[in-house]
Amino acid sequence: MRFLLWLILAVLCWPLALVALVAYPIVWVVALPFRIVGISVNAVLDLVKAIITLPGRLLSRGRR
């Protein structure tokens, strides 16, 4: 489906298709650090959540 859309874009507006072809790798490289920061922040928040909920999980485990 994506390839078909790419072909339609290339036929109807080939300058825009060329710009998209050149700009996509540049945008991907620019966005890469933000993805890495997002993964790191998500990991830290998961760690904080695990530390905060640890006492509750330990106490509820003993009641079973």
Protein backbone atom coordinates (compact mmCIF):
# COMPACT_ATOMS: atom_id res chain seq x y z
CA MET A 1 0.00 0.00 0.00
CA ARG A 2 2.79 2.41 0.93
CA PHE A 3 4.62 1.66 -2.32
CA LEU A 4 1.48 2.36 -4.32
CA LEU A 5 1.07 5.72 -2.59
CA TRP A 6 4.72 6.48 -3.30
CA LEU A 7 4.20 5.72 -7.01
CA ILE A 8 1.13 7.96 -7.15
CA LEU A 9 3.09 10.77 -5.51
CA ALA A 10 6.00 10.24 -7.89
CA VAL A 11 3.72 10.44 -10.93
CA LEU A 12 1.58 13.37 -9.80
CA CYS A 13 4.19 15.53 -8.12
CA TRP A 14 7.71 14.27 -8.74
CA PRO A 15 9.51 17.26 -7.14
CA LEU A 16 7.70 16.63 -3.86
CA ALA A 17 8.56 12.94 -4.12
CA LEU A 18 12.24 13.77 -4.57
CA VAL A 19 12.19 16.15 -1.59
CA ALA A 20 10.54 13.47 0.54
CA LEU A 21 13.11 10.92 -0.59
CA VAL A 22 16.00 13.19 0.42
CA ALA A 23 14.43 14.59 3.59
CA TYR A 24 13.34 11.30 5.18
CA PRO A 25 16.85 10.09 6.19
CA ILE A 26 17.76 13.55 7.46
CA VAL A 27 14.63 13.74 9.62
CA TRP A 28 15.29 10.22 10.90
CA VAL A 29 18.83 11.12 11.97
CA VAL A 30 17.66 14.34 13.65
CA ALA A 31 14.90 12.51 15.53
CA LEU A 32 17.18 9.69 16.74
CA PRO A 33 18.52 11.51 19.84
CA PHE A 34 14.97 12.35 20.91
CA ARG A 35 14.03 8.67 20.66
CA ILE A 36 17.03 7.70 22.80
CA VAL A 37 16.10 10.32 25.41
CA GLY A 38 12.51 9.09 25.38
CA ILE A 39 13.58 5.49 25.97
CA SER A 40 15.86 6.58 28.83
CA VAL A 41 13.18 8.70 30.50
CA ASN A 42 10.69 5.87 30.18
CA ALA A 43 13.15 3.46 31.82
CA VAL A 44 13.82 5.85 34.71
CA LEU A 45 10.10 6.40 35.29
CA ASP A 46 9.48 2.64 35.27
CA LEU A 47 12.27 2.21 37.83
CA VAL A 48 10.79 4.92 40.08
CA LYS A 49 7.35 3.31 39.80
CA ALA A 50 8.81 -0.09 40.72
CA ILE A 51 10.60 1.37 43.74
CA ILE A 52 7.50 3.22 44.94
CA THR A 53 5.17 0.23 44.58
CA LEU A 54 7.62 -2.30 46.04
CA PRO A 55 6.44 -2.04 49.68
CA GLY A 56 2.81 -2.48 48.66
CA ARG A 57 3.62 -5.48 46.52
CA LEU A 58 5.65 -7.06 49.32
CA LEU A 59 2.88 -6.50 51.88
CA SER A 60 0.12 -7.83 49.63
CA ARG A 61 2.26 -10.86 48.81
CA GLY A 62 2.39 -11.92 52.49
CA ARG A 63 -1.43 -11.89 52.84
CA ARG A 64 -2.06 -14.54 50.22
